């Protein structure tokens, strides 16, 4: 099984706003919850919706800051809580 680091680097925001608010954060690697997988990202995508999330257009009231931006990417499954994906599977999300 691959060694999972305790810390990750991520593009995140501490508040909603314009293009000046994202910055690189050092954050704890999350534990996958039921029906989730943890992916070691090799490539991350940026879509127009990421700017809209950053601006607060999709607020749910449950956001926690630092809020990691990015909803698509490709990488390797390093932990899985579902039977569909196994550790070491290459995936796109």
PDB file of N, CA and C in Angstrom:
ATOM      1  N   UNK A   1       0.849  -1.181   0.000  1.00  0.00           N
ATOM      2  CA  UNK A   1       0.000   0.000   0.000  1.00  0.00           C
ATOM      3  C   UNK A   1       0.895   1.246   0.000  1.00  0.00           C
ATOM      4  N   UNK A   2       0.561   2.253  -0.829  1.00  0.00           N
ATOM      5  CA  UNK A   2       1.364   3.475  -0.860  1.00  0.00           C
ATOM      6  C   UNK A   2       1.313   4.211   0.474  1.00  0.00           C
ATOM      7  N   UNK A   3       2.415   4.842   0.821  1.00  0.00           N
ATOM      8  CA  UNK A   3       2.455   5.662   2.037  1.00  0.00           C
ATOM      9  C   UNK A   3       1.701   6.959   1.777  1.00  0.00           C
ATOM     10  N   UNK A   4       0.763   7.273   2.631  1.00  0.00           N
ATOM     11  CA  UNK A   4      -0.036   8.494   2.494  1.00  0.00           C
ATOM     12  C   UNK A   4       0.580   9.555   3.388  1.00  0.00           C
ATOM     13  N   UNK A   5       0.961  10.702   2.810  1.00  0.00           N
ATOM     14  CA  UNK A   5       1.541  11.757   3.638  1.00  0.00           C
ATOM     15  C   UNK A   5       0.489  12.365   4.565  1.00  0.00           C
ATOM     16  N   UNK A   6       0.941  13.043   5.596  1.00  0.00           N
ATOM     17  CA  UNK A   6       0.019  13.704   6.523  1.00  0.00           C
ATOM     18  C   UNK A   6      -0.366  15.096   6.037  1.00  0.00           C
ATOM     19  N   UNK A   7       0.489  15.708   5.202  1.00  0.00           N
ATOM     20  CA  UNK A   7       0.265  17.086   4.732  1.00  0.00           C
ATOM     21  C   UNK A   7       0.228  17.106   3.207  1.00  0.00           C
ATOM     22  N   UNK A   8      -0.618  17.966   2.634  1.00  0.00           N
ATOM     23  CA  UNK A   8      -0.678  18.164   1.189  1.00  0.00           C
ATOM     24  C   UNK A   8      -0.623  19.655   0.888  1.00  0.00           C
ATOM     25  N   UNK A   9      -0.215  19.979  -0.331  1.00  0.00           N
ATOM     26  CA  UNK A   9      -0.244  21.352  -0.816  1.00  0.00           C
ATOM     27  C   UNK A   9      -1.455  21.489  -1.722  1.00  0.00           C
ATOM     28  N   UNK A  10      -2.225  22.555  -1.527  1.00  0.00           N
ATOM     29  CA  UNK A  10      -3.450  22.724  -2.309  1.00  0.00           C
ATOM     30  C   UNK A  10      -3.719  24.200  -2.555  1.00  0.00           C
ATOM     31  N   UNK A  11      -4.289  24.487  -3.718  1.00  0.00           N
ATOM     32  CA  UNK A  11      -4.801  25.832  -3.990  1.00  0.00           C
ATOM     33  C   UNK A  11      -6.112  25.987  -3.246  1.00  0.00           C
ATOM     34  N   UNK A  12      -6.203  26.971  -2.372  1.00  0.00           N
ATOM     35  CA  UNK A  12      -7.391  27.114  -1.534  1.00  0.00           C
ATOM     36  C   UNK A  12      -7.674  28.591  -1.268  1.00  0.00           C
ATOM     37  N   UNK A  13      -8.855  28.849  -0.733  1.00  0.00           N
ATOM     38  CA  UNK A  13      -9.231  30.216  -0.356  1.00  0.00           C
ATOM     39  C   UNK A  13      -9.602  30.249   1.117  1.00  0.00           C
ATOM     40  N   UNK A  14      -9.365  31.410   1.744  1.00  0.00           N
ATOM     41  CA  UNK A  14      -9.742  31.629   3.135  1.00  0.00           C
ATOM     42  C   UNK A  14     -11.011  32.462   3.246  1.00  0.00           C
ATOM     43  N   UNK A  15     -11.474  32.969   2.106  1.00  0.00           N
ATOM     44  CA  UNK A  15     -12.707  33.750   2.030  1.00  0.00           C
ATOM     45  C   UNK A  15     -13.112  33.799   0.568  1.00  0.00           C
ATOM     46  N   UNK A  16     -14.366  34.134   0.308  1.00  0.00           N
ATOM     47  CA  UNK A  16     -14.814  34.304  -1.067  1.00  0.00           C
ATOM     48  C   UNK A  16     -14.301  35.639  -1.599  1.00  0.00           C
ATOM     49  N   UNK A  17     -14.054  35.707  -2.907  1.00  0.00           N
ATOM     50  CA  UNK A  17     -13.588  36.954  -3.493  1.00  0.00           C
ATOM     51  C   UNK A  17     -13.078  36.765  -4.903  1.00  0.00           C
ATOM     52  N   UNK A  18     -12.286  37.723  -5.332  1.00  0.00           N
ATOM     53  CA  UNK A  18     -11.772  37.760  -6.690  1.00  0.00           C
ATOM     54  C   UNK A  18     -10.534  36.905  -6.884  1.00  0.00           C
ATOM     55  N   UNK A  19      -9.863  37.112  -8.019  1.00  0.00           N
ATOM     56  CA  UNK A  19      -8.701  36.283  -8.347  1.00  0.00           C
ATOM     57  C   UNK A  19      -7.526  36.453  -7.403  1.00  0.00           C
ATOM     58  N   UNK A  20      -7.576  37.443  -6.523  1.00  0.00           N
ATOM     59  CA  UNK A  20      -6.480  37.660  -5.575  1.00  0.00           C
ATOM     60  C   UNK A  20      -6.575  36.767  -4.329  1.00  0.00           C
ATOM     61  N   UNK A  21      -7.698  36.095  -4.088  1.00  0.00           N
ATOM     62  CA  UNK A  21      -7.860  35.358  -2.833  1.00  0.00           C
ATOM     63  C   UNK A  21      -7.248  33.954  -2.798  1.00  0.00           C
ATOM     64  N   UNK A  22      -7.103  33.235  -3.916  1.00  0.00           N
ATOM     65  CA  UNK A  22      -6.489  31.908  -3.805  1.00  0.00           C
ATOM     66  C   UNK A  22      -5.006  31.987  -3.454  1.00  0.00           C
ATOM     67  N   UNK A  23      -4.562  31.019  -2.684  1.00  0.00           N
ATOM     68  CA  UNK A  23      -3.140  30.900  -2.366  1.00  0.00           C
ATOM     69  C   UNK A  23      -2.844  29.433  -2.098  1.00  0.00           C
ATOM     70  N   UNK A  24      -1.560  29.114  -2.055  1.00  0.00           N
ATOM     71  CA  UNK A  24      -1.154  27.748  -1.775  1.00  0.00           C
ATOM     72  C   UNK A  24      -1.187  27.530  -0.268  1.00  0.00           C
ATOM     73  N   UNK A  25      -1.855  26.465   0.156  1.00  0.00           N
ATOM     74  CA  UNK A  25      -1.998  26.127   1.566  1.00  0.00           C
ATOM     75  C   UNK A  25      -1.351  24.779   1.847  1.00  0.00           C
ATOM     76  N   UNK A  26      -0.789  24.645   3.015  1.00  0.00           N
ATOM     77  CA  UNK A  26      -0.341  23.363   3.526  1.00  0.00           C
ATOM     78  C   UNK A  26      -1.457  22.859   4.429  1.00  0.00           C
ATOM     79  N   UNK A  27      -2.089  21.742   4.052  1.00  0.00           N
ATOM     80  CA  UNK A  27      -3.272  21.258   4.754  1.00  0.00           C
ATOM     81  C   UNK A  27      -3.124  19.784   5.110  1.00  0.00           C
ATOM     82  N   UNK A  28      -3.830  19.333   6.128  1.00  0.00           N
ATOM     83  CA  UNK A  28      -3.812  17.901   6.438  1.00  0.00           C
ATOM     84  C   UNK A  28      -4.473  17.110   5.309  1.00  0.00           C
ATOM     85  N   UNK A  29      -3.928  15.964   4.985  1.00  0.00           N
ATOM     86  CA  UNK A  29      -4.545  15.084   3.997  1.00  0.00           C
ATOM     87  C   UNK A  29      -5.825  14.532   4.617  1.00  0.00           C
ATOM     88  N   UNK A  30      -6.967  14.668   3.919  1.00  0.00           N
ATOM     89  CA  UNK A  30      -8.215  14.193   4.512  1.00  0.00           C
ATOM     90  C   UNK A  30      -8.295  12.673   4.538  1.00  0.00           C
ATOM     91  N   UNK A  31      -9.028  12.158   5.494  1.00  0.00           N
ATOM     92  CA  UNK A  31      -9.349  10.725   5.560  1.00  0.00           C
ATOM     93  C   UNK A  31     -10.609  10.518   4.720  1.00  0.00           C
ATOM     94  N   UNK A  32     -10.613   9.545   3.819  1.00  0.00           N
ATOM     95  CA  UNK A  32     -11.848   9.321   3.056  1.00  0.00           C
ATOM     96  C   UNK A  32     -12.959   8.821   3.970  1.00  0.00           C
ATOM     97  N   UNK A  33     -14.142   9.366   3.760  1.00  0.00           N
ATOM     98  CA  UNK A  33     -15.316   8.937   4.514  1.00  0.00           C
ATOM     99  C   UNK A  33     -15.993   7.788   3.765  1.00  0.00           C
ATOM    100  N   UNK A  34     -17.093   7.294   4.288  1.00  0.00           N
ATOM    101  CA  UNK A  34     -17.831   6.216   3.637  1.00  0.00           C
ATOM    102  C   UNK A  34     -18.169   6.625   2.210  1.00  0.00           C
ATOM    103  N   UNK A  35     -17.978   5.686   1.280  1.00  0.00           N
ATOM    104  CA  UNK A  35     -18.280   5.885  -0.135  1.00  0.00           C
ATOM    105  C   UNK A  35     -17.390   6.944  -0.794  1.00  0.00           C
ATOM    106  N   UNK A  36     -16.156   7.117  -0.296  1.00  0.00           N
ATOM    107  CA  UNK A  36     -15.202   8.045  -0.883  1.00  0.00           C
ATOM    108  C   UNK A  36     -13.884   7.334  -1.163  1.00  0.00           C
ATOM    109  N   UNK A  37     -13.107   7.941  -2.060  1.00  0.00           N
ATOM    110  CA  UNK A  37     -11.743   7.503  -2.304  1.00  0.00           C
ATOM    111  C   UNK A  37     -10.823   8.697  -2.093  1.00  0.00           C
ATOM    112  N   UNK A  38      -9.570   8.424  -1.784  1.00  0.00           N
ATOM    113  CA  UNK A  38      -8.545   9.449  -1.681  1.00  0.00           C
ATOM    114  C   UNK A  38      -7.637   9.276  -2.890  1.00  0.00           C
ATOM    115  N   UNK A  39      -7.447  10.358  -3.645  1.00  0.00           N
ATOM    116  CA  UNK A  39      -6.676  10.312  -4.883  1.00  0.00           C
ATOM    117  C   UNK A  39      -5.426  11.164  -4.723  1.00  0.00           C
ATOM    118  N   UNK A  40      -4.269  10.578  -5.029  1.00  0.00           N
ATOM    119  CA  UNK A  40      -3.030  11.351  -5.140  1.00  0.00           C
ATOM    120  C   UNK A  40      -3.069  11.978  -6.524  1.00  0.00           C
ATOM    121  N   UNK A  41      -3.281  13.293  -6.570  1.00  0.00           N
ATOM    122  CA  UNK A  41      -3.478  13.970  -7.848  1.00  0.00           C
ATOM    123  C   UNK A  41      -2.160  14.121  -8.599  1.00  0.00           C
ATOM    124  N   UNK A  42      -2.191  13.759  -9.878  1.00  0.00           N
ATOM    125  CA  UNK A  42      -1.056  13.975 -10.769  1.00  0.00           C
ATOM    126  C   UNK A  42      -1.280  15.221 -11.612  1.00  0.00           C
ATOM    127  N   UNK A  43      -2.549  15.459 -11.963  1.00  0.00           N
ATOM    128  CA  UNK A  43      -2.918  16.592 -12.802  1.00  0.00           C
ATOM    129  C   UNK A  43      -4.234  17.158 -12.296  1.00  0.00           C
ATOM    130  N   UNK A  44      -4.307  18.461 -12.182  1.00  0.00           N
ATOM    131  CA  UNK A  44      -5.546  19.113 -11.747  1.00  0.00           C
ATOM    132  C   UNK A  44      -6.038  20.031 -12.850  1.00  0.00           C
ATOM    133  N   UNK A  45      -7.351  20.090 -13.010  1.00  0.00           N
ATOM    134  CA  UNK A  45      -7.951  20.964 -14.006  1.00  0.00           C
ATOM    135  C   UNK A  45      -8.564  22.186 -13.354  1.00  0.00           C
ATOM    136  N   UNK A  46      -8.711  23.223 -14.138  1.00  0.00           N
ATOM    137  CA  UNK A  46      -9.363  24.447 -13.690  1.00  0.00           C
ATOM    138  C   UNK A  46     -10.469  24.764 -14.688  1.00  0.00           C
ATOM    139  N   UNK A  47     -11.691  24.848 -14.192  1.00  0.00           N
ATOM    140  CA  UNK A  47     -12.829  25.169 -15.044  1.00  0.00           C
ATOM    141  C   UNK A  47     -13.409  26.517 -14.682  1.00  0.00           C
ATOM    142  N   UNK A  48     -14.298  27.020 -15.536  1.00  0.00           N
ATOM    143  CA  UNK A  48     -14.928  28.322 -15.269  1.00  0.00           C
ATOM    144  C   UNK A  48     -15.697  28.299 -13.957  1.00  0.00           C
ATOM    145  N   UNK A  49     -16.212  27.136 -13.599  1.00  0.00           N
ATOM    146  CA  UNK A  49     -16.973  27.003 -12.351  1.00  0.00           C
ATOM    147  C   UNK A  49     -16.092  27.214 -11.128  1.00  0.00           C
ATOM    148  N   UNK A  50     -14.783  26.957 -11.251  1.00  0.00           N
ATOM    149  CA  UNK A  50     -13.895  27.181 -10.107  1.00  0.00           C
ATOM    150  C   UNK A  50     -13.851  28.661  -9.740  1.00  0.00           C
ATOM    151  N   UNK A  51     -13.859  29.544 -10.728  1.00  0.00           N
ATOM    152  CA  UNK A  51     -13.910  30.983 -10.455  1.00  0.00           C
ATOM    153  C   UNK A  51     -15.238  31.354  -9.800  1.00  0.00           C
ATOM    154  N   UNK A  52     -16.310  30.712 -10.228  1.00  0.00           N
ATOM    155  CA  UNK A  52     -17.624  31.003  -9.641  1.00  0.00           C
ATOM    156  C   UNK A  52     -17.701  30.510  -8.191  1.00  0.00           C
ATOM    157  N   UNK A  53     -17.097  29.366  -7.909  1.00  0.00           N
ATOM    158  CA  UNK A  53     -17.030  28.870  -6.523  1.00  0.00           C
ATOM    159  C   UNK A  53     -16.221  29.849  -5.693  1.00  0.00           C
ATOM    160  N   UNK A  54     -15.054  30.281  -6.224  1.00  0.00           N
ATOM    161  CA  UNK A  54     -14.174  31.221  -5.515  1.00  0.00           C
ATOM    162  C   UNK A  54     -14.922  32.514  -5.186  1.00  0.00           C
ATOM    163  N   UNK A  55     -15.777  32.963  -6.098  1.00  0.00           N
ATOM    164  CA  UNK A  55     -16.526  34.209  -5.889  1.00  0.00           C
ATOM    165  C   UNK A  55     -17.709  34.039  -4.944  1.00  0.00           C
ATOM    166  N   UNK A  56     -18.044  32.801  -4.572  1.00  0.00           N
ATOM    167  CA  UNK A  56     -19.155  32.566  -3.652  1.00  0.00           C
ATOM    168  C   UNK A  56     -20.492  32.412  -4.331  1.00  0.00           C
ATOM    169  N   UNK A  57     -20.512  32.159  -5.629  1.00  0.00           N
ATOM    170  CA  UNK A  57     -21.780  32.017  -6.349  1.00  0.00           C
ATOM    171  C   UNK A  57     -22.526  30.739  -6.010  1.00  0.00           C
ATOM    172  N   UNK A  58     -21.833  29.739  -5.476  1.00  0.00           N
ATOM    173  CA  UNK A  58     -22.464  28.459  -5.154  1.00  0.00           C
ATOM    174  C   UNK A  58     -22.452  28.204  -3.654  1.00  0.00           C
ATOM    175  N   UNK A  59     -22.590  29.223  -2.852  1.00  0.00           N
ATOM    176  CA  UNK A  59     -22.559  29.059  -1.395  1.00  0.00           C
ATOM    177  C   UNK A  59     -23.676  28.139  -0.926  1.00  0.00           C
ATOM    178  N   UNK A  60     -23.329  27.250  -0.006  1.00  0.00           N
ATOM    179  CA  UNK A  60     -24.323  26.366   0.584  1.00  0.00           C
ATOM    180  C   UNK A  60     -24.538  26.688   2.061  1.00  0.00           C
ATOM    181  N   UNK A  61     -23.624  27.465   2.626  1.00  0.00           N
ATOM    182  CA  UNK A  61     -23.694  27.755   4.042  1.00  0.00           C
ATOM    183  C   UNK A  61     -22.948  26.736   4.885  1.00  0.00           C
ATOM    184  N   UNK A  62     -22.435  25.692   4.249  1.00  0.00           N
ATOM    185  CA  UNK A  62     -21.687  24.665   4.971  1.00  0.00           C
ATOM    186  C   UNK A  62     -20.197  24.685   4.627  1.00  0.00           C
ATOM    187  N   UNK A  63     -19.749  25.700   3.884  1.00  0.00           N
ATOM    188  CA  UNK A  63     -18.345  25.763   3.485  1.00  0.00           C
ATOM    189  C   UNK A  63     -17.445  25.918   4.698  1.00  0.00           C
ATOM    190  N   UNK A  64     -16.303  25.254   4.633  1.00  0.00           N
ATOM    191  CA  UNK A  64     -15.268  25.395   5.654  1.00  0.00           C
ATOM    192  C   UNK A  64     -14.030  25.954   4.976  1.00  0.00           C
ATOM    193  N   UNK A  65     -13.468  26.963   5.562  1.00  0.00           N
ATOM    194  CA  UNK A  65     -12.231  27.546   5.025  1.00  0.00           C
ATOM    195  C   UNK A  65     -11.063  26.998   5.817  1.00  0.00           C
ATOM    196  N   UNK A  66      -9.977  26.708   5.221  1.00  0.00           N
ATOM    197  CA  UNK A  66      -9.579  26.915   3.845  1.00  0.00           C
ATOM    198  C   UNK A  66     -10.364  25.964   2.936  1.00  0.00           C
ATOM    199  N   UNK A  67     -10.972  26.539   1.897  1.00  0.00           N
ATOM    200  CA  UNK A  67     -11.769  25.792   0.939  1.00  0.00           C
ATOM    201  C   UNK A  67     -10.880  25.478  -0.255  1.00  0.00           C
ATOM    202  N   UNK A  68     -10.636  24.196  -0.489  1.00  0.00           N
ATOM    203  CA  UNK A  68      -9.787  23.775  -1.603  1.00  0.00           C
ATOM    204  C   UNK A  68     -10.580  23.890  -2.890  1.00  0.00           C
ATOM    205  N   UNK A  69     -10.013  24.593  -3.842  1.00  0.00           N
ATOM    206  CA  UNK A  69     -10.636  24.742  -5.148  1.00  0.00           C
ATOM    207  C   UNK A  69     -10.210  23.596  -6.051  1.00  0.00           C
ATOM    208  N   UNK A  70     -10.978  23.372  -7.088  1.00  0.00           N
ATOM    209  CA  UNK A  70     -10.655  22.339  -8.061  1.00  0.00           C
ATOM    210  C   UNK A  70     -11.599  21.175  -7.944  1.00  0.00           C
ATOM    211  N   UNK A  71     -12.266  20.863  -9.027  1.00  0.00           N
ATOM    212  CA  UNK A  71     -13.240  19.781  -9.005  1.00  0.00           C
ATOM    213  C   UNK A  71     -12.926  18.706 -10.031  1.00  0.00           C
ATOM    214  N   UNK A  72     -11.784  18.822 -10.710  1.00  0.00           N
ATOM    215  CA  UNK A  72     -11.437  17.773 -11.663  1.00  0.00           C
ATOM    216  C   UNK A  72      -9.939  17.536 -11.671  1.00  0.00           C
ATOM    217  N   UNK A  73      -9.590  16.309 -12.010  1.00  0.00           N
ATOM    218  CA  UNK A  73      -8.182  15.972 -12.076  1.00  0.00           C
ATOM    219  C   UNK A  73      -7.989  14.496 -12.342  1.00  0.00           C
ATOM    220  N   UNK A  74      -6.732  14.096 -12.404  1.00  0.00           N
ATOM    221  CA  UNK A  74      -6.389  12.697 -12.634  1.00  0.00           C
ATOM    222  C   UNK A  74      -5.285  12.306 -11.665  1.00  0.00           C
ATOM    223  N   UNK A  75      -5.320  11.045 -11.234  1.00  0.00           N
ATOM    224  CA  UNK A  75      -4.302  10.582 -10.304  1.00  0.00           C
ATOM    225  C   UNK A  75      -4.465   9.120  -9.974  1.00  0.00           C
ATOM    226  N   UNK A  76      -3.917   8.736  -8.831  1.00  0.00           N
ATOM    227  CA  UNK A  76      -3.897   7.353  -8.391  1.00  0.00           C
ATOM    228  C   UNK A  76      -4.638   7.217  -7.068  1.00  0.00           C
ATOM    229  N   UNK A  77      -5.523   6.243  -6.972  1.00  0.00           N
ATOM    230  CA  UNK A  77      -6.242   5.976  -5.724  1.00  0.00           C
ATOM    231  C   UNK A  77      -5.233   5.477  -4.689  1.00  0.00           C
ATOM    232  N   UNK A  78      -5.194   6.145  -3.536  1.00  0.00           N
ATOM    233  CA  UNK A  78      -4.295   5.734  -2.447  1.00  0.00           C
ATOM    234  C   UNK A  78      -5.062   5.186  -1.245  1.00  0.00           C
ATOM    235  N   UNK A  79      -6.372   5.408  -1.194  1.00  0.00           N
ATOM    236  CA  UNK A  79      -7.231   4.829  -0.157  1.00  0.00           C
ATOM    237  C   UNK A  79      -8.642   4.780  -0.721  1.00  0.00           C
ATOM    238  N   UNK A  80      -9.361   3.704  -0.435  1.00  0.00           N
ATOM    239  CA  UNK A  80     -10.704   3.544  -0.986  1.00  0.00           C
ATOM    240  C   UNK A  80     -11.650   3.012   0.075  1.00  0.00           C
ATOM    241  N   UNK A  81     -12.833   3.633   0.151  1.00  0.00           N
ATOM    242  CA  UNK A  81     -13.886   3.166   1.064  1.00  0.00           C
ATOM    243  C   UNK A  81     -15.075   2.635   0.266  1.00  0.00           C
ATOM    244  N   UNK A  82     -14.818   2.274  -1.014  1.00  0.00           N
ATOM    245  CA  UNK A  82     -15.853   1.674  -1.859  1.00  0.00           C
ATOM    246  C   UNK A  82     -15.231   0.500  -2.609  1.00  0.00           C
ATOM    247  N   UNK A  83     -16.066  -0.395  -3.086  1.00  0.00           N
ATOM    248  CA  UNK A  83     -15.579  -1.580  -3.782  1.00  0.00           C
ATOM    249  C   UNK A  83     -15.303  -1.345  -5.264  1.00  0.00           C
ATOM    250  N   UNK A  84     -15.709  -0.224  -5.809  1.00  0.00           N
ATOM    251  CA  UNK A  84     -15.558   0.030  -7.242  1.00  0.00           C
ATOM    252  C   UNK A  84     -14.108   0.343  -7.613  1.00  0.00           C
ATOM    253  N   UNK A  85     -13.380   1.022  -6.721  1.00  0.00           N
ATOM    254  CA  UNK A  85     -11.995   1.403  -6.985  1.00  0.00           C
ATOM    255  C   UNK A  85     -11.065   0.766  -5.967  1.00  0.00           C
ATOM    256  N   UNK A  86      -9.904   0.396  -6.435  1.00  0.00           N
ATOM    257  CA  UNK A  86      -8.885  -0.208  -5.584  1.00  0.00           C
ATOM    258  C   UNK A  86      -7.680   0.716  -5.481  1.00  0.00           C
ATOM    259  N   UNK A  87      -6.915   0.558  -4.425  1.00  0.00           N
ATOM    260  CA  UNK A  87      -5.663   1.288  -4.288  1.00  0.00           C
ATOM    261  C   UNK A  87      -4.805   0.975  -5.514  1.00  0.00           C
ATOM    262  N   UNK A  88      -4.150   1.998  -6.026  1.00  0.00           N
ATOM    263  CA  UNK A  88      -3.287   1.980  -7.216  1.00  0.00           C
ATOM    264  C   UNK A  88      -4.049   2.093  -8.533  1.00  0.00           C
ATOM    265  N   UNK A  89      -5.394   2.147  -8.498  1.00  0.00           N
ATOM    266  CA  UNK A  89      -6.145   2.389  -9.752  1.00  0.00           C
ATOM    267  C   UNK A  89      -5.846   3.802 -10.240  1.00  0.00           C
ATOM    268  N   UNK A  90      -5.693   3.944 -11.553  1.00  0.00           N
ATOM    269  CA  UNK A  90      -5.551   5.260 -12.163  1.00  0.00           C
ATOM    270  C   UNK A  90      -6.955   5.776 -12.457  1.00  0.00           C
ATOM    271  N   UNK A  91      -7.260   7.005 -12.028  1.00  0.00           N
ATOM    272  CA  UNK A  91      -8.619   7.534 -12.165  1.00  0.00           C
ATOM    273  C   UNK A  91      -8.624   8.973 -12.664  1.00  0.00           C
ATOM    274  N   UNK A  92      -9.765   9.368 -13.187  1.00  0.00           N
ATOM    275  CA  UNK A  92     -10.059  10.757 -13.556  1.00  0.00           C
ATOM    276  C   UNK A  92     -11.329  11.125 -12.835  1.00  0.00           C
ATOM    277  N   UNK A  93     -11.356  12.310 -12.252  1.00  0.00           N
ATOM    278  CA  UNK A  93     -12.581  12.724 -11.558  1.00  0.00           C
ATOM    279  C   UNK A  93     -12.981  14.116 -12.015  1.00  0.00           C
TER     280      UNK A  93
END
